[in-house]
Amino acid sequence: MSEQTRAALKTFGIQTTQLEEAVTLLEKNPSPENLRNYLDSQRKLLESLTEILSVVSTLLNRGASAAEKVNQQNSGG
Protein backbone atom coordinates (compact mmCIF):
# COMPACT_ATOMS: atom_id res chain seq x y z
CA MET A 1 0.00 0.00 0.00
CA SER A 2 1.41 3.38 -0.96
CA GLU A 3 2.02 6.12 1.58
CA GLN A 4 -0.64 8.24 -0.13
CA THR A 5 -3.23 5.47 0.19
CA ARG A 6 -2.26 4.72 3.78
CA ALA A 7 -2.44 8.41 4.75
CA ALA A 8 -5.82 8.88 3.04
CA LEU A 9 -7.30 5.87 4.82
CA LYS A 10 -5.87 6.93 8.19
CA THR A 11 -7.26 10.44 7.80
CA PHE A 12 -10.64 9.05 6.74
CA GLY A 13 -10.75 6.84 9.84
CA ILE A 14 -9.89 9.74 12.12
CA GLN A 15 -12.47 12.01 10.47
CA THR A 16 -15.16 9.32 10.70
CA THR A 17 -14.52 8.93 14.42
CA GLN A 18 -14.64 12.70 14.91
CA LEU A 19 -17.94 12.90 13.01
CA GLU A 20 -19.41 10.13 15.17
CA GLU A 21 -18.37 12.04 18.28
CA ALA A 22 -19.82 15.28 16.91
CA VAL A 23 -23.14 13.60 16.08
CA THR A 24 -23.36 12.08 19.55
CA LEU A 25 -22.60 15.41 21.19
CA LEU A 26 -25.13 17.23 19.00
CA GLU A 27 -27.80 14.65 19.84
CA LYS A 28 -27.14 15.01 23.58
CA ASN A 29 -26.84 18.78 23.54
CA PRO A 30 -28.26 20.47 20.42
CA SER A 31 -26.47 23.81 20.84
CA PRO A 32 -25.17 26.20 18.17
CA GLU A 33 -21.59 25.36 19.19
CA ASN A 34 -22.21 21.63 18.79
CA LEU A 35 -23.92 22.26 15.46
CA ARG A 36 -20.84 24.15 14.23
CA ASN A 37 -18.63 21.31 15.44
CA TYR A 38 -20.83 18.79 13.62
CA LEU A 39 -20.79 20.79 10.38
CA ASP A 40 -17.01 21.20 10.58
CA SER A 41 -16.56 17.46 11.20
CA GLN A 42 -18.90 16.69 8.31
CA ARG A 43 -16.91 18.95 5.96
CA LYS A 44 -13.61 17.37 6.98
CA LEU A 45 -14.98 13.87 6.48
CA LEU A 46 -16.28 14.75 3.00
CA GLU A 47 -12.88 16.23 2.09
CA SER A 48 -11.23 13.04 3.31
CA LEU A 49 -13.67 10.92 1.31
CA THR A 50 -12.87 12.98 -1.79
CA GLU A 51 -9.17 12.23 -1.26
CA ILE A 52 -9.87 8.50 -0.97
CA LEU A 53 -11.97 8.59 -4.15
CA SER A 54 -9.09 10.33 -5.92
CA VAL A 55 -6.66 7.63 -4.79
CA VAL A 56 -9.06 4.87 -5.87
CA SER A 57 -9.66 6.55 -9.23
CA THR A 58 -5.92 6.76 -9.84
CA LEU A 59 -5.51 3.08 -8.99
CA LEU A 60 -8.36 2.09 -11.29
CA ASN A 61 -6.88 4.13 -14.14
CA ARG A 62 -3.46 2.55 -13.63
CA GLY A 63 -5.05 -0.89 -13.59
CA ALA A 64 -6.99 -0.18 -16.76
CA SER A 65 -3.83 0.99 -18.51
CA ALA A 66 -1.98 -2.15 -17.44
CA ALA A 67 -4.88 -4.35 -18.54
CA GLU A 68 -4.93 -2.62 -21.92
CA LYS A 69 -1.24 -3.44 -22.40
CA VAL A 70 -1.99 -7.11 -21.72
CA ASN A 71 -4.83 -7.02 -24.24
CA GLN A 72 -2.58 -5.41 -26.85
CA GLN A 73 0.13 -8.01 -26.29
CA ASN A 74 -2.36 -10.87 -26.55
CA SER A 75 -3.88 -9.49 -29.73
CA GLY A 76 -0.50 -9.03 -31.35
CA GLY A 77 -0.73 -5.26 -31.17
C-alpha atoms as a PDB file:
ATOM      1  CA  MET A   1       0.000   0.000   0.000  1.00  0.00           C
ATOM      2  CA  SER A   2       1.412   3.382  -0.961  1.00  0.00           C
ATOM      3  CA  GLU A   3       2.016   6.117   1.580  1.00  0.00           C
ATOM      4  CA  GLN A   4      -0.641   8.245  -0.125  1.00  0.00           C
ATOM      5  CA  THR A   5      -3.226   5.472   0.192  1.00  0.00           C
ATOM      6  CA  ARG A   6      -2.260   4.721   3.777  1.00  0.00           C
ATOM      7  CA  ALA A   7      -2.442   8.410   4.745  1.00  0.00           C
ATOM      8  CA  ALA A   8      -5.817   8.885   3.041  1.00  0.00           C
ATOM      9  CA  LEU A   9      -7.300   5.868   4.821  1.00  0.00           C
ATOM     10  CA  LYS A  10      -5.873   6.926   8.185  1.00  0.00           C
ATOM     11  CA  THR A  11      -7.261  10.437   7.797  1.00  0.00           C
ATOM     12  CA  PHE A  12     -10.643   9.054   6.742  1.00  0.00           C
ATOM     13  CA  GLY A  13     -10.746   6.838   9.843  1.00  0.00           C
ATOM     14  CA  ILE A  14      -9.889   9.740  12.116  1.00  0.00           C
ATOM     15  CA  GLN A  15     -12.468  12.009  10.466  1.00  0.00           C
ATOM     16  CA  THR A  16     -15.157   9.318  10.698  1.00  0.00           C
ATOM     17  CA  THR A  17     -14.516   8.935  14.421  1.00  0.00           C
ATOM     18  CA  GLN A  18     -14.641  12.695  14.910  1.00  0.00           C
ATOM     19  CA  LEU A  19     -17.937  12.901  13.014  1.00  0.00           C
ATOM     20  CA  GLU A  20     -19.410  10.125  15.173  1.00  0.00           C
ATOM     21  CA  GLU A  21     -18.372  12.040  18.280  1.00  0.00           C
ATOM     22  CA  ALA A  22     -19.815  15.281  16.911  1.00  0.00           C
ATOM     23  CA  VAL A  23     -23.138  13.602  16.084  1.00  0.00           C
ATOM     24  CA  THR A  24     -23.364  12.076  19.554  1.00  0.00           C
ATOM     25  CA  LEU A  25     -22.597  15.414  21.191  1.00  0.00           C
ATOM     26  CA  LEU A  26     -25.128  17.234  18.999  1.00  0.00           C
ATOM     27  CA  GLU A  27     -27.804  14.654  19.841  1.00  0.00           C
ATOM     28  CA  LYS A  28     -27.138  15.007  23.579  1.00  0.00           C
ATOM     29  CA  ASN A  29     -26.836  18.779  23.539  1.00  0.00           C
ATOM     30  CA  PRO A  30     -28.258  20.471  20.415  1.00  0.00           C
ATOM     31  CA  SER A  31     -26.472  23.805  20.839  1.00  0.00           C
ATOM     32  CA  PRO A  32     -25.167  26.201  18.172  1.00  0.00           C
ATOM     33  CA  GLU A  33     -21.590  25.361  19.187  1.00  0.00           C
ATOM     34  CA  ASN A  34     -22.206  21.634  18.790  1.00  0.00           C
ATOM     35  CA  LEU A  35     -23.921  22.264  15.464  1.00  0.00           C
ATOM     36  CA  ARG A  36     -20.838  24.154  14.226  1.00  0.00           C
ATOM     37  CA  ASN A  37     -18.631  21.314  15.436  1.00  0.00           C
ATOM     38  CA  TYR A  38     -20.831  18.787  13.624  1.00  0.00           C
ATOM     39  CA  LEU A  39     -20.785  20.789  10.381  1.00  0.00           C
ATOM     40  CA  ASP A  40     -17.005  21.198  10.576  1.00  0.00           C
ATOM     41  CA  SER A  41     -16.557  17.464  11.197  1.00  0.00           C
ATOM     42  CA  GLN A  42     -18.897  16.692   8.308  1.00  0.00           C
ATOM     43  CA  ARG A  43     -16.912  18.951   5.964  1.00  0.00           C
ATOM     44  CA  LYS A  44     -13.607  17.374   6.981  1.00  0.00           C
ATOM     45  CA  LEU A  45     -14.984  13.872   6.479  1.00  0.00           C
ATOM     46  CA  LEU A  46     -16.275  14.746   3.001  1.00  0.00           C
ATOM     47  CA  GLU A  47     -12.876  16.234   2.094  1.00  0.00           C
ATOM     48  CA  SER A  48     -11.228  13.042   3.306  1.00  0.00           C
ATOM     49  CA  LEU A  49     -13.666  10.923   1.311  1.00  0.00           C
ATOM     50  CA  THR A  50     -12.873  12.979  -1.786  1.00  0.00           C
ATOM     51  CA  GLU A  51      -9.172  12.234  -1.263  1.00  0.00           C
ATOM     52  CA  ILE A  52      -9.869   8.502  -0.972  1.00  0.00           C
ATOM     53  CA  LEU A  53     -11.968   8.594  -4.146  1.00  0.00           C
ATOM     54  CA  SER A  54      -9.091  10.326  -5.922  1.00  0.00           C
ATOM     55  CA  VAL A  55      -6.655   7.626  -4.789  1.00  0.00           C
ATOM     56  CA  VAL A  56      -9.057   4.865  -5.870  1.00  0.00           C
ATOM     57  CA  SER A  57      -9.664   6.553  -9.225  1.00  0.00           C
ATOM     58  CA  THR A  58      -5.920   6.760  -9.843  1.00  0.00           C
ATOM     59  CA  LEU A  59      -5.506   3.076  -8.985  1.00  0.00           C
ATOM     60  CA  LEU A  60      -8.365   2.094 -11.291  1.00  0.00           C
ATOM     61  CA  ASN A  61      -6.880   4.129 -14.141  1.00  0.00           C
ATOM     62  CA  ARG A  62      -3.463   2.553 -13.628  1.00  0.00           C
ATOM     63  CA  GLY A  63      -5.051  -0.894 -13.588  1.00  0.00           C
ATOM     64  CA  ALA A  64      -6.993  -0.175 -16.762  1.00  0.00           C
ATOM     65  CA  SER A  65      -3.826   0.989 -18.512  1.00  0.00           C
ATOM     66  CA  ALA A  66      -1.976  -2.149 -17.440  1.00  0.00           C
ATOM     67  CA  ALA A  67      -4.880  -4.349 -18.542  1.00  0.00           C
ATOM     68  CA  GLU A  68      -4.932  -2.625 -21.923  1.00  0.00           C
ATOM     69  CA  LYS A  69      -1.242  -3.437 -22.401  1.00  0.00           C
ATOM     70  CA  VAL A  70      -1.993  -7.106 -21.720  1.00  0.00           C
ATOM     71  CA  ASN A  71      -4.830  -7.023 -24.243  1.00  0.00           C
ATOM     72  CA  GLN A  72      -2.575  -5.409 -26.846  1.00  0.00           C
ATOM     73  CA  GLN A  73       0.134  -8.013 -26.292  1.00  0.00           C
ATOM     74  CA  ASN A  74      -2.360 -10.865 -26.547  1.00  0.00           C
ATOM     75  CA  SER A  75      -3.882  -9.493 -29.733  1.00  0.00           C
ATOM     76  CA  GLY A  76      -0.497  -9.027 -31.347  1.00  0.00           C
ATOM     77  CA  GLY A  77      -0.726  -5.257 -31.166  1.00  0.00           C
END
